[in-house]
Amino acid sequence: MIDLRPFDSLGGADHGWLRARHHFSFSGYQDPARMNWGALRVWNDDAIQPNTGFPAHAHQDMEIITYVLEGAISHQDSLGNQGRTVAGDVQVMSAGSGIRHAEYNLEPDITRLFQIWILPARAGGAPSWGARPFPKDDRAGRFVTLASGLPGDDEALPIRTPGRVLGATLLAGESLDYELPPERQAYLVPARGAVEVNGVHVGTRDGAAISGEPVLRITALSDAELVMVDTV
Protein backbone atom coordinates (compact mmCIF):
# COMPACT_ATOMS: atom_id res chain seq x y z
CA MET A 1 0.00 0.00 0.00
CA ILE A 2 1.30 3.43 -0.97
CA ASP A 3 -0.74 6.40 0.27
CA LEU A 4 0.30 9.41 -1.80
CA ARG A 5 0.07 12.74 0.00
CA PRO A 6 0.54 15.50 -2.59
CA PHE A 7 2.33 18.63 -1.42
CA ASP A 8 -0.76 20.74 -2.09
CA SER A 9 -2.77 18.56 0.30
CA LEU A 10 -0.45 19.12 3.27
CA GLY A 11 -1.33 21.29 6.22
CA GLY A 12 0.51 24.54 6.65
CA ALA A 13 1.05 27.86 8.31
CA ASP A 14 2.50 31.21 7.25
CA HIS A 15 3.94 33.18 10.16
CA GLY A 16 5.77 35.68 7.95
CA TRP A 17 9.22 34.71 9.19
CA LEU A 18 8.32 31.01 8.83
CA ARG A 19 6.40 29.26 6.07
CA ALA A 20 5.71 25.66 7.01
CA ARG A 21 3.98 22.68 5.46
CA HIS A 22 2.98 19.79 7.71
CA HIS A 23 2.82 16.18 6.54
CA PHE A 24 1.22 15.26 9.88
CA SER A 25 -1.01 17.03 12.39
CA PHE A 26 1.00 19.78 14.02
CA SER A 27 0.17 22.97 15.92
CA GLY A 28 -2.89 24.58 14.29
CA TYR A 29 -3.19 21.87 11.62
CA GLN A 30 -5.10 18.86 12.88
CA ASP A 31 -6.19 15.93 10.70
CA PRO A 32 -7.17 12.69 12.50
CA ALA A 33 -6.13 10.71 9.42
CA ARG A 34 -2.62 12.17 9.53
CA MET A 35 -1.52 11.91 13.14
CA ASN A 36 1.53 9.70 12.59
CA TRP A 37 2.94 6.86 10.48
CA GLY A 38 4.12 4.25 12.92
CA ALA A 39 6.60 5.94 15.24
CA LEU A 40 7.02 8.85 12.79
CA ARG A 41 5.10 11.72 14.37
CA VAL A 42 6.13 14.95 12.57
CA TRP A 43 7.54 15.86 9.16
CA ASN A 44 7.63 19.62 8.67
CA ASP A 45 8.83 21.31 5.48
CA ASP A 46 10.06 24.71 6.71
CA ALA A 47 11.27 27.89 5.00
CA ILE A 48 12.85 30.28 7.52
CA GLN A 49 13.53 33.90 6.64
CA PRO A 50 17.02 35.39 7.21
CA ASN A 51 17.90 36.49 10.76
CA THR A 52 14.83 34.85 12.28
CA GLY A 53 14.12 31.55 13.95
CA PHE A 54 12.74 29.65 16.89
CA PRO A 55 13.57 31.17 20.30
CA ALA A 56 14.40 28.89 23.23
CA HIS A 57 11.68 26.31 23.89
CA ALA A 58 11.45 22.90 25.55
CA HIS A 59 11.14 19.35 24.24
CA GLN A 60 10.83 15.99 25.99
CA ASP A 61 10.75 12.35 24.85
CA MET A 62 11.22 12.93 21.11
CA GLU A 63 13.94 12.22 18.56
CA ILE A 64 14.24 15.35 16.39
CA ILE A 65 16.15 15.10 13.12
CA THR A 66 16.86 18.19 11.00
CA TYR A 67 17.78 17.73 7.33
CA VAL A 68 18.98 21.02 5.82
CA LEU A 69 18.07 21.54 2.15
CA GLU A 70 19.32 25.11 1.61
CA GLY A 71 21.16 27.59 3.78
CA ALA A 72 22.05 26.70 7.36
CA ILE A 73 20.50 26.47 10.82
CA SER A 74 22.32 27.57 14.00
CA HIS A 75 21.58 25.62 17.17
CA GLN A 76 22.14 26.25 20.87
CA ASP A 77 20.70 24.37 23.83
CA SER A 78 20.55 24.10 27.60
CA LEU A 79 23.38 21.53 27.58
CA GLY A 80 25.77 24.16 26.20
CA ASN A 81 25.86 22.70 22.69
CA GLN A 82 26.25 25.12 19.79
CA GLY A 83 26.47 24.31 16.11
CA ARG A 84 25.76 25.45 12.57
CA THR A 85 24.31 22.78 10.30
CA VAL A 86 24.59 23.58 6.60
CA ALA A 87 22.87 22.19 3.50
CA GLY A 88 23.79 18.55 3.07
CA ASP A 89 24.35 18.06 6.79
CA VAL A 90 22.07 16.53 9.41
CA GLN A 91 21.56 17.21 13.11
CA VAL A 92 19.85 15.05 15.72
CA MET A 93 18.54 16.06 19.13
CA SER A 94 17.37 13.37 21.54
CA ALA A 95 15.15 15.33 23.91
CA GLY A 96 15.08 12.58 26.54
CA SER A 97 14.01 13.74 29.99
CA GLY A 98 13.98 17.35 28.80
CA ILE A 99 16.01 19.96 26.93
CA ARG A 100 15.60 23.57 25.86
CA HIS A 101 16.97 24.74 22.53
CA ALA A 102 16.84 27.59 20.03
CA GLU A 103 17.23 27.38 16.25
CA TYR A 104 18.00 30.42 14.09
CA ASN A 105 18.67 31.18 10.45
CA LEU A 106 21.59 33.59 10.75
CA GLU A 107 22.27 33.44 7.00
CA PRO A 108 21.60 36.19 4.42
CA ASP A 109 19.12 34.00 2.52
CA ILE A 110 16.16 31.74 3.29
CA THR A 111 16.98 28.43 4.98
CA ARG A 112 14.89 25.45 3.92
CA LEU A 113 14.81 22.24 5.91
CA PHE A 114 12.89 19.14 6.85
CA GLN A 115 12.31 18.65 10.55
CA ILE A 116 11.40 15.07 11.42
CA TRP A 117 10.20 13.88 14.82
CA ILE A 118 10.19 10.19 15.75
CA LEU A 119 8.87 8.74 19.01
CA PRO A 120 11.61 7.11 21.12
CA ALA A 121 11.46 3.48 22.18
CA ARG A 122 11.59 4.50 25.84
CA ALA A 123 10.79 7.67 27.75
CA GLY A 124 13.41 9.58 29.69
CA GLY A 125 17.17 9.36 29.52
CA ALA A 126 19.80 12.07 29.29
CA PRO A 127 19.22 14.50 26.42
CA SER A 128 21.86 14.87 23.70
CA TRP A 129 22.64 16.66 20.43
CA GLY A 130 24.94 15.95 17.50
CA ALA A 131 25.51 16.85 13.84
CA ARG A 132 27.63 15.63 10.95
CA PRO A 133 28.04 16.09 7.17
CA PHE A 134 26.71 13.59 4.65
CA PRO A 135 28.21 14.48 1.23
CA LYS A 136 25.69 14.00 -1.56
CA ASP A 137 28.29 12.24 -3.71
CA ASP A 138 28.35 9.44 -1.13
CA ARG A 139 24.58 9.00 -1.62
CA ALA A 140 24.70 8.78 -5.42
CA GLY A 141 22.54 5.88 -6.58
CA ARG A 142 22.03 4.44 -3.11
CA PHE A 143 20.50 5.08 0.27
CA VAL A 144 22.87 6.18 3.03
CA THR A 145 21.70 5.91 6.64
CA LEU A 146 21.77 9.38 8.19
CA ALA A 147 20.35 8.59 11.64
CA SER A 148 19.55 5.23 13.17
CA GLY A 149 18.73 3.30 16.29
CA LEU A 150 19.31 -0.08 14.64
CA PRO A 151 22.34 -2.36 15.14
CA GLY A 152 25.12 -2.08 12.60
CA ASP A 153 24.45 1.52 11.55
CA ASP A 154 27.62 2.73 13.24
CA GLU A 155 28.29 5.60 10.80
CA ALA A 156 24.89 7.20 11.34
CA LEU A 157 23.88 9.74 13.95
CA PRO A 158 22.30 7.82 16.85
CA ILE A 159 18.59 8.00 17.66
CA ARG A 160 16.73 6.17 20.42
CA THR A 161 14.19 4.34 18.32
CA PRO A 162 14.36 1.19 16.15
CA GLY A 163 14.26 3.10 12.89
CA ARG A 164 16.35 4.83 10.25
CA VAL A 165 16.43 8.14 8.42
CA LEU A 166 17.96 7.65 4.98
CA GLY A 167 19.06 9.86 2.10
CA ALA A 168 19.80 9.17 -1.56
CA THR A 169 20.39 11.00 -4.82
CA LEU A 170 19.38 9.58 -8.18
CA LEU A 171 19.99 10.80 -11.72
CA ALA A 172 17.05 10.77 -14.09
CA GLY A 173 16.43 7.18 -15.19
CA GLU A 174 18.35 5.59 -12.33
CA SER A 175 16.65 3.10 -10.00
CA LEU A 176 17.33 1.59 -6.61
CA ASP A 177 15.62 -1.10 -4.54
CA TYR A 178 14.91 -1.01 -0.82
CA GLU A 179 13.64 -4.00 1.16
CA LEU A 180 10.89 -3.26 3.68
CA PRO A 181 10.09 -6.09 6.14
CA PRO A 182 6.36 -6.66 6.76
CA GLU A 183 6.42 -5.24 10.28
CA ARG A 184 7.93 -1.93 9.13
CA GLN A 185 6.62 1.22 7.46
CA ALA A 186 8.33 3.84 5.32
CA TYR A 187 7.65 7.49 4.56
CA LEU A 188 9.39 8.91 1.49
CA VAL A 189 9.69 12.55 0.39
CA PRO A 190 11.59 13.76 -2.69
CA ALA A 191 13.30 16.95 -1.55
CA ARG A 192 13.99 17.64 -5.22
CA GLY A 193 12.87 15.98 -8.41
CA ALA A 194 10.25 13.30 -8.92
CA VAL A 195 10.30 9.51 -8.66
CA GLU A 196 8.13 6.50 -9.28
CA VAL A 197 7.76 4.10 -6.35
CA ASN A 198 6.34 0.71 -7.33
CA GLY A 199 4.45 2.44 -10.13
CA VAL A 200 3.21 5.40 -8.07
CA HIS A 201 4.34 8.89 -9.14
CA VAL A 202 5.74 10.91 -6.21
CA GLY A 203 6.49 14.53 -7.03
CA THR A 204 8.74 17.10 -5.42
CA ARG A 205 7.95 17.44 -1.69
CA ASP A 206 5.01 15.02 -1.91
CA GLY A 207 4.83 12.39 0.82
CA ALA A 208 4.44 8.66 0.23
CA ALA A 209 3.29 6.59 3.22
CA ILE A 210 4.28 2.99 2.48
CA SER A 211 3.46 -0.35 4.11
CA GLY A 212 3.00 -3.92 2.96
CA GLU A 213 5.43 -3.48 0.04
CA PRO A 214 8.24 -6.05 0.46
CA VAL A 215 10.56 -4.26 -1.99
CA LEU A 216 10.44 -0.62 -3.03
CA ARG A 217 11.56 -0.06 -6.59
CA ILE A 218 12.36 3.66 -6.82
CA THR A 219 13.02 5.14 -10.26
CA ALA A 220 13.98 8.78 -10.80
CA LEU A 221 11.83 10.60 -13.36
CA SER A 222 14.18 13.58 -13.04
CA ASP A 223 17.34 14.17 -11.01
CA ALA A 224 16.14 13.55 -7.45
CA GLU A 225 17.18 13.99 -3.83
CA LEU A 226 15.30 11.66 -1.49
CA VAL A 227 14.74 11.48 2.24
CA MET A 228 13.02 8.45 3.77
CA VAL A 229 12.12 7.23 7.26
CA ASP A 230 11.92 3.47 7.90
CA THR A 231 10.31 2.68 11.24
CA VAL A 232 7.91 0.40 13.11
C-alpha atoms as a PDB file:
ATOM      1  CA  MET A   1       0.000   0.000   0.000  1.00  0.00           C
ATOM      2  CA  ILE A   2       1.301   3.434  -0.974  1.00  0.00           C
ATOM      3  CA  ASP A   3      -0.739   6.397   0.267  1.00  0.00           C
ATOM      4  CA  LEU A   4       0.299   9.411  -1.803  1.00  0.00           C
ATOM      5  CA  ARG A   5       0.067  12.741   0.004  1.00  0.00           C
ATOM      6  CA  PRO A   6       0.541  15.498  -2.587  1.00  0.00           C
ATOM      7  CA  PHE A   7       2.332  18.627  -1.422  1.00  0.00           C
ATOM      8  CA  ASP A   8      -0.758  20.743  -2.089  1.00  0.00           C
ATOM      9  CA  SER A   9      -2.774  18.562   0.301  1.00  0.00           C
ATOM     10  CA  LEU A  10      -0.455  19.115   3.266  1.00  0.00           C
ATOM     11  CA  GLY A  11      -1.330  21.293   6.218  1.00  0.00           C
ATOM     12  CA  GLY A  12       0.506  24.538   6.650  1.00  0.00           C
ATOM     13  CA  ALA A  13       1.050  27.864   8.313  1.00  0.00           C
ATOM     14  CA  ASP A  14       2.503  31.210   7.250  1.00  0.00           C
ATOM     15  CA  HIS A  15       3.944  33.183  10.156  1.00  0.00           C
ATOM     16  CA  GLY A  16       5.771  35.682   7.945  1.00  0.00           C
ATOM     17  CA  TRP A  17       9.220  34.712   9.185  1.00  0.00           C
ATOM     18  CA  LEU A  18       8.324  31.005   8.828  1.00  0.00           C
ATOM     19  CA  ARG A  19       6.396  29.263   6.073  1.00  0.00           C
ATOM     20  CA  ALA A  20       5.706  25.660   7.011  1.00  0.00           C
ATOM     21  CA  ARG A  21       3.980  22.680   5.456  1.00  0.00           C
ATOM     22  CA  HIS A  22       2.984  19.789   7.713  1.00  0.00           C
ATOM     23  CA  HIS A  23       2.822  16.180   6.536  1.00  0.00           C
ATOM     24  CA  PHE A  24       1.216  15.260   9.881  1.00  0.00           C
ATOM     25  CA  SER A  25      -1.013  17.031  12.394  1.00  0.00           C
ATOM     26  CA  PHE A  26       0.997  19.778  14.019  1.00  0.00           C
ATOM     27  CA  SER A  27       0.171  22.968  15.922  1.00  0.00           C
ATOM     28  CA  GLY A  28      -2.894  24.575  14.290  1.00  0.00           C
ATOM     29  CA  TYR A  29      -3.187  21.872  11.622  1.00  0.00           C
ATOM     30  CA  GLN A  30      -5.104  18.863  12.881  1.00  0.00           C
ATOM     31  CA  ASP A  31      -6.194  15.931  10.701  1.00  0.00           C
ATOM     32  CA  PRO A  32      -7.172  12.689  12.499  1.00  0.00           C
ATOM     33  CA  ALA A  33      -6.134  10.706   9.417  1.00  0.00           C
ATOM     34  CA  ARG A  34      -2.623  12.171   9.532  1.00  0.00           C
ATOM     35  CA  MET A  35      -1.517  11.910  13.141  1.00  0.00           C
ATOM     36  CA  ASN A  36       1.530   9.699  12.587  1.00  0.00           C
ATOM     37  CA  TRP A  37       2.937   6.864  10.476  1.00  0.00           C
ATOM     38  CA  GLY A  38       4.123   4.252  12.919  1.00  0.00           C
ATOM     39  CA  ALA A  39       6.600   5.942  15.242  1.00  0.00           C
ATOM     40  CA  LEU A  40       7.019   8.854  12.792  1.00  0.00           C
ATOM     41  CA  ARG A  41       5.100  11.718  14.374  1.00  0.00           C
ATOM     42  CA  VAL A  42       6.131  14.951  12.571  1.00  0.00           C
ATOM     43  CA  TRP A  43       7.538  15.859   9.160  1.00  0.00           C
ATOM     44  CA  ASN A  44       7.632  19.624   8.675  1.00  0.00           C
ATOM     45  CA  ASP A  45       8.826  21.309   5.481  1.00  0.00           C
ATOM     46  CA  ASP A  46      10.061  24.706   6.710  1.00  0.00           C
ATOM     47  CA  ALA A  47      11.269  27.885   5.001  1.00  0.00           C
ATOM     48  CA  ILE A  48      12.846  30.279   7.524  1.00  0.00           C
ATOM     49  CA  GLN A  49      13.525  33.900   6.640  1.00  0.00           C
ATOM     50  CA  PRO A  50      17.015  35.389   7.212  1.00  0.00           C
ATOM     51  CA  ASN A  51      17.896  36.487  10.758  1.00  0.00           C
ATOM     52  CA  THR A  52      14.834  34.851  12.277  1.00  0.00           C
ATOM     53  CA  GLY A  53      14.122  31.553  13.954  1.00  0.00           C
ATOM     54  CA  PHE A  54      12.736  29.646  16.891  1.00  0.00           C
ATOM     55  CA  PRO A  55      13.566  31.172  20.302  1.00  0.00           C
ATOM     56  CA  ALA A  56      14.395  28.890  23.234  1.00  0.00           C
ATOM     57  CA  HIS A  57      11.683  26.312  23.895  1.00  0.00           C
ATOM     58  CA  ALA A  58      11.448  22.901  25.547  1.00  0.00           C
ATOM     59  CA  HIS A  59      11.140  19.348  24.244  1.00  0.00           C
ATOM     60  CA  GLN A  60      10.831  15.992  25.989  1.00  0.00           C
ATOM     61  CA  ASP A  61      10.752  12.348  24.847  1.00  0.00           C
ATOM     62  CA  MET A  62      11.221  12.928  21.113  1.00  0.00           C
ATOM     63  CA  GLU A  63      13.938  12.222  18.557  1.00  0.00           C
ATOM     64  CA  ILE A  64      14.237  15.347  16.390  1.00  0.00           C
ATOM     65  CA  ILE A  65      16.150  15.105  13.122  1.00  0.00           C
ATOM     66  CA  THR A  66      16.864  18.188  11.003  1.00  0.00           C
ATOM     67  CA  TYR A  67      17.778  17.734   7.333  1.00  0.00           C
ATOM     68  CA  VAL A  68      18.982  21.018   5.818  1.00  0.00           C
ATOM     69  CA  LEU A  69      18.072  21.544   2.154  1.00  0.00           C
ATOM     70  CA  GLU A  70      19.319  25.108   1.606  1.00  0.00           C
ATOM     71  CA  GLY A  71      21.159  27.595   3.779  1.00  0.00           C
ATOM     72  CA  ALA A  72      22.045  26.699   7.364  1.00  0.00           C
ATOM     73  CA  ILE A  73      20.504  26.466  10.818  1.00  0.00           C
ATOM     74  CA  SER A  74      22.317  27.566  13.996  1.00  0.00           C
ATOM     75  CA  HIS A  75      21.581  25.617  17.171  1.00  0.00           C
ATOM     76  CA  GLN A  76      22.137  26.250  20.871  1.00  0.00           C
ATOM     77  CA  ASP A  77      20.698  24.366  23.827  1.00  0.00           C
ATOM     78  CA  SER A  78      20.550  24.097  27.598  1.00  0.00           C
ATOM     79  CA  LEU A  79      23.383  21.526  27.583  1.00  0.00           C
ATOM     80  CA  GLY A  80      25.768  24.162  26.202  1.00  0.00           C
ATOM     81  CA  ASN A  81      25.865  22.705  22.686  1.00  0.00           C
ATOM     82  CA  GLN A  82      26.245  25.121  19.794  1.00  0.00           C
ATOM     83  CA  GLY A  83      26.468  24.315  16.114  1.00  0.00           C
ATOM     84  CA  ARG A  84      25.758  25.453  12.573  1.00  0.00           C
ATOM     85  CA  THR A  85      24.309  22.776  10.300  1.00  0.00           C
ATOM     86  CA  VAL A  86      24.591  23.584   6.597  1.00  0.00           C
ATOM     87  CA  ALA A  87      22.869  22.193   3.504  1.00  0.00           C
ATOM     88  CA  GLY A  88      23.789  18.551   3.067  1.00  0.00           C
ATOM     89  CA  ASP A  89      24.348  18.055   6.794  1.00  0.00           C
ATOM     90  CA  VAL A  90      22.067  16.528   9.405  1.00  0.00           C
ATOM     91  CA  GLN A  91      21.560  17.212  13.108  1.00  0.00           C
ATOM     92  CA  VAL A  92      19.854  15.053  15.724  1.00  0.00           C
ATOM     93  CA  MET A  93      18.544  16.064  19.131  1.00  0.00           C
ATOM     94  CA  SER A  94      17.375  13.374  21.538  1.00  0.00           C
ATOM     95  CA  ALA A  95      15.154  15.328  23.912  1.00  0.00           C
ATOM     96  CA  GLY A  96      15.084  12.576  26.542  1.00  0.00           C
ATOM     97  CA  SER A  97      14.014  13.739  29.987  1.00  0.00           C
ATOM     98  CA  GLY A  98      13.978  17.353  28.801  1.00  0.00           C
ATOM     99  CA  ILE A  99      16.014  19.961  26.930  1.00  0.00           C
ATOM    100  CA  ARG A 100      15.604  23.574  25.858  1.00  0.00           C
ATOM    101  CA  HIS A 101      16.972  24.741  22.529  1.00  0.00           C
ATOM    102  CA  ALA A 102      16.837  27.588  20.035  1.00  0.00           C
ATOM    103  CA  GLU A 103      17.228  27.378  16.246  1.00  0.00           C
ATOM    104  CA  TYR A 104      17.997  30.416  14.087  1.00  0.00           C
ATOM    105  CA  ASN A 105      18.666  31.176  10.447  1.00  0.00           C
ATOM    106  CA  LEU A 106      21.585  33.595  10.749  1.00  0.00           C
ATOM    107  CA  GLU A 107      22.273  33.440   6.998  1.00  0.00           C
ATOM    108  CA  PRO A 108      21.596  36.193   4.421  1.00  0.00           C
ATOM    109  CA  ASP A 109      19.125  33.996   2.517  1.00  0.00           C
ATOM    110  CA  ILE A 110      16.159  31.739   3.293  1.00  0.00           C
ATOM    111  CA  THR A 111      16.982  28.431   4.977  1.00  0.00           C
ATOM    112  CA  ARG A 112      14.894  25.450   3.919  1.00  0.00           C
ATOM    113  CA  LEU A 113      14.814  22.242   5.908  1.00  0.00           C
ATOM    114  CA  PHE A 114      12.890  19.136   6.848  1.00  0.00           C
ATOM    115  CA  GLN A 115      12.313  18.652  10.551  1.00  0.00           C
ATOM    116  CA  ILE A 116      11.398  15.072  11.417  1.00  0.00           C
ATOM    117  CA  TRP A 117      10.196  13.883  14.823  1.00  0.00           C
ATOM    118  CA  ILE A 118      10.186  10.191  15.749  1.00  0.00           C
ATOM    119  CA  LEU A 119       8.875   8.745  19.007  1.00  0.00           C
ATOM    120  CA  PRO A 120      11.614   7.114  21.123  1.00  0.00           C
ATOM    121  CA  ALA A 121      11.460   3.483  22.176  1.00  0.00           C
ATOM    122  CA  ARG A 122      11.591   4.505  25.844  1.00  0.00           C
ATOM    123  CA  ALA A 123      10.787   7.667  27.748  1.00  0.00           C
ATOM    124  CA  GLY A 124      13.414   9.584  29.692  1.00  0.00           C
ATOM    125  CA  GLY A 125      17.170   9.357  29.519  1.00  0.00           C
ATOM    126  CA  ALA A 126      19.805  12.070  29.294  1.00  0.00           C
ATOM    127  CA  PRO A 127      19.222  14.500  26.420  1.00  0.00           C
ATOM    128  CA  SER A 128      21.860  14.865  23.695  1.00  0.00           C
ATOM    129  CA  TRP A 129      22.637  16.658  20.426  1.00  0.00           C
ATOM    130  CA  GLY A 130      24.939  15.950  17.497  1.00  0.00           C
ATOM    131  CA  ALA A 131      25.512  16.845  13.843  1.00  0.00           C
ATOM    132  CA  ARG A 132      27.633  15.632  10.952  1.00  0.00           C
ATOM    133  CA  PRO A 133      28.039  16.090   7.168  1.00  0.00           C
ATOM    134  CA  PHE A 134      26.711  13.595   4.647  1.00  0.00           C
ATOM    135  CA  PRO A 135      28.210  14.481   1.234  1.00  0.00           C
ATOM    136  CA  LYS A 136      25.695  14.001  -1.561  1.00  0.00           C
ATOM    137  CA  ASP A 137      28.294  12.239  -3.711  1.00  0.00           C
ATOM    138  CA  ASP A 138      28.347   9.436  -1.132  1.00  0.00           C
ATOM    139  CA  ARG A 139      24.582   8.996  -1.622  1.00  0.00           C
ATOM    140  CA  ALA A 140      24.697   8.775  -5.418  1.00  0.00           C
ATOM    141  CA  GLY A 141      22.543   5.882  -6.580  1.00  0.00           C
ATOM    142  CA  ARG A 142      22.026   4.442  -3.107  1.00  0.00           C
ATOM    143  CA  PHE A 143      20.505   5.079   0.267  1.00  0.00           C
ATOM    144  CA  VAL A 144      22.871   6.175   3.033  1.00  0.00           C
ATOM    145  CA  THR A 145      21.699   5.907   6.643  1.00  0.00           C
ATOM    146  CA  LEU A 146      21.769   9.379   8.188  1.00  0.00           C
ATOM    147  CA  ALA A 147      20.354   8.591  11.637  1.00  0.00           C
ATOM    148  CA  SER A 148      19.550   5.233  13.174  1.00  0.00           C
ATOM    149  CA  GLY A 149      18.727   3.302  16.293  1.00  0.00           C
ATOM    150  CA  LEU A 150      19.311  -0.080  14.641  1.00  0.00           C
ATOM    151  CA  PRO A 151      22.339  -2.358  15.143  1.00  0.00           C
ATOM    152  CA  GLY A 152      25.115  -2.077  12.600  1.00  0.00           C
ATOM    153  CA  ASP A 153      24.453   1.521  11.553  1.00  0.00           C
ATOM    154  CA  ASP A 154      27.623   2.734  13.236  1.00  0.00           C
ATOM    155  CA  GLU A 155      28.295   5.598  10.797  1.00  0.00           C
ATOM    156  CA  ALA A 156      24.886   7.199  11.338  1.00  0.00           C
ATOM    157  CA  LEU A 157      23.878   9.738  13.954  1.00  0.00           C
ATOM    158  CA  PRO A 158      22.300   7.819  16.853  1.00  0.00           C
ATOM    159  CA  ILE A 159      18.593   8.002  17.659  1.00  0.00           C
ATOM    160  CA  ARG A 160      16.727   6.174  20.418  1.00  0.00           C
ATOM    161  CA  THR A 161      14.193   4.343  18.319  1.00  0.00           C
ATOM    162  CA  PRO A 162      14.364   1.186  16.148  1.00  0.00           C
ATOM    163  CA  GLY A 163      14.264   3.100  12.890  1.00  0.00           C
ATOM    164  CA  ARG A 164      16.348   4.828  10.252  1.00  0.00           C
ATOM    165  CA  VAL A 165      16.426   8.141   8.424  1.00  0.00           C
ATOM    166  CA  LEU A 166      17.960   7.651   4.982  1.00  0.00           C
ATOM    167  CA  GLY A 167      19.061   9.863   2.104  1.00  0.00           C
ATOM    168  CA  ALA A 168      19.797   9.168  -1.561  1.00  0.00           C
ATOM    169  CA  THR A 169      20.392  11.001  -4.819  1.00  0.00           C
ATOM    170  CA  LEU A 170      19.380   9.582  -8.182  1.00  0.00           C
ATOM    171  CA  LEU A 171      19.987  10.804 -11.715  1.00  0.00           C
ATOM    172  CA  ALA A 172      17.048  10.766 -14.092  1.00  0.00           C
ATOM    173  CA  GLY A 173      16.425   7.180 -15.194  1.00  0.00           C
ATOM    174  CA  GLU A 174      18.350   5.587 -12.325  1.00  0.00           C
ATOM    175  CA  SER A 175      16.653   3.104  -9.996  1.00  0.00           C
ATOM    176  CA  LEU A 176      17.326   1.590  -6.612  1.00  0.00           C
ATOM    177  CA  ASP A 177      15.618  -1.096  -4.543  1.00  0.00           C
ATOM    178  CA  TYR A 178      14.910  -1.007  -0.821  1.00  0.00           C
ATOM    179  CA  GLU A 179      13.639  -4.003   1.163  1.00  0.00           C
ATOM    180  CA  LEU A 180      10.891  -3.258   3.682  1.00  0.00           C
ATOM    181  CA  PRO A 181      10.091  -6.087   6.139  1.00  0.00           C
ATOM    182  CA  PRO A 182       6.361  -6.655   6.756  1.00  0.00           C
ATOM    183  CA  GLU A 183       6.420  -5.235  10.282  1.00  0.00           C
ATOM    184  CA  ARG A 184       7.926  -1.932   9.129  1.00  0.00           C
ATOM    185  CA  GLN A 185       6.622   1.221   7.457  1.00  0.00           C
ATOM    186  CA  ALA A 186       8.326   3.842   5.320  1.00  0.00           C
ATOM    187  CA  TYR A 187       7.648   7.490   4.561  1.00  0.00           C
ATOM    188  CA  LEU A 188       9.392   8.913   1.491  1.00  0.00           C
ATOM    189  CA  VAL A 189       9.691  12.547   0.390  1.00  0.00           C
ATOM    190  CA  PRO A 190      11.591  13.759  -2.693  1.00  0.00           C
ATOM    191  CA  ALA A 191      13.299  16.952  -1.555  1.00  0.00           C
ATOM    192  CA  ARG A 192      13.993  17.644  -5.224  1.00  0.00           C
ATOM    193  CA  GLY A 193      12.868  15.981  -8.406  1.00  0.00           C
ATOM    194  CA  ALA A 194      10.245  13.297  -8.919  1.00  0.00           C
ATOM    195  CA  VAL A 195      10.300   9.512  -8.655  1.00  0.00           C
ATOM    196  CA  GLU A 196       8.126   6.499  -9.276  1.00  0.00           C
ATOM    197  CA  VAL A 197       7.761   4.096  -6.348  1.00  0.00           C
ATOM    198  CA  ASN A 198       6.338   0.711  -7.332  1.00  0.00           C
ATOM    199  CA  GLY A 199       4.453   2.440 -10.127  1.00  0.00           C
ATOM    200  CA  VAL A 200       3.212   5.404  -8.068  1.00  0.00           C
ATOM    201  CA  HIS A 201       4.338   8.889  -9.141  1.00  0.00           C
ATOM    202  CA  VAL A 202       5.736  10.912  -6.209  1.00  0.00           C
ATOM    203  CA  GLY A 203       6.486  14.534  -7.028  1.00  0.00           C
ATOM    204  CA  THR A 204       8.741  17.096  -5.423  1.00  0.00           C
ATOM    205  CA  ARG A 205       7.953  17.442  -1.692  1.00  0.00           C
ATOM    206  CA  ASP A 206       5.015  15.023  -1.908  1.00  0.00           C
ATOM    207  CA  GLY A 207       4.835  12.391   0.822  1.00  0.00           C
ATOM    208  CA  ALA A 208       4.438   8.663   0.226  1.00  0.00           C
ATOM    209  CA  ALA A 209       3.285   6.593   3.224  1.00  0.00           C
ATOM    210  CA  ILE A 210       4.282   2.991   2.481  1.00  0.00           C
ATOM    211  CA  SER A 211       3.459  -0.345   4.112  1.00  0.00           C
ATOM    212  CA  GLY A 212       3.002  -3.919   2.958  1.00  0.00           C
ATOM    213  CA  GLU A 213       5.425  -3.480   0.043  1.00  0.00           C
ATOM    214  CA  PRO A 214       8.242  -6.055   0.456  1.00  0.00           C
ATOM    215  CA  VAL A 215      10.562  -4.260  -1.988  1.00  0.00           C
ATOM    216  CA  LEU A 216      10.442  -0.622  -3.027  1.00  0.00           C
ATOM    217  CA  ARG A 217      11.559  -0.059  -6.595  1.00  0.00           C
ATOM    218  CA  ILE A 218      12.356   3.661  -6.818  1.00  0.00           C
ATOM    219  CA  THR A 219      13.018   5.138 -10.264  1.00  0.00           C
ATOM    220  CA  ALA A 220      13.982   8.781 -10.797  1.00  0.00           C
ATOM    221  CA  LEU A 221      11.827  10.601 -13.355  1.00  0.00           C
ATOM    222  CA  SER A 222      14.183  13.577 -13.044  1.00  0.00           C
ATOM    223  CA  ASP A 223      17.335  14.168 -11.010  1.00  0.00           C
ATOM    224  CA  ALA A 224      16.141  13.554  -7.452  1.00  0.00           C
ATOM    225  CA  GLU A 225      17.184  13.985  -3.831  1.00  0.00           C
ATOM    226  CA  LEU A 226      15.303  11.655  -1.489  1.00  0.00           C
ATOM    227  CA  VAL A 227      14.743  11.480   2.245  1.00  0.00           C
ATOM    228  CA  MET A 228      13.019   8.449   3.774  1.00  0.00           C
ATOM    229  CA  VAL A 229      12.123   7.232   7.262  1.00  0.00           C
ATOM    230  CA  ASP A 230      11.921   3.466   7.902  1.00  0.00           C
ATOM    231  CA  THR A 231      10.308   2.677  11.242  1.00  0.00           C
ATOM    232  CA  VAL A 232       7.910   0.398  13.108  1.00  0.00           C
END
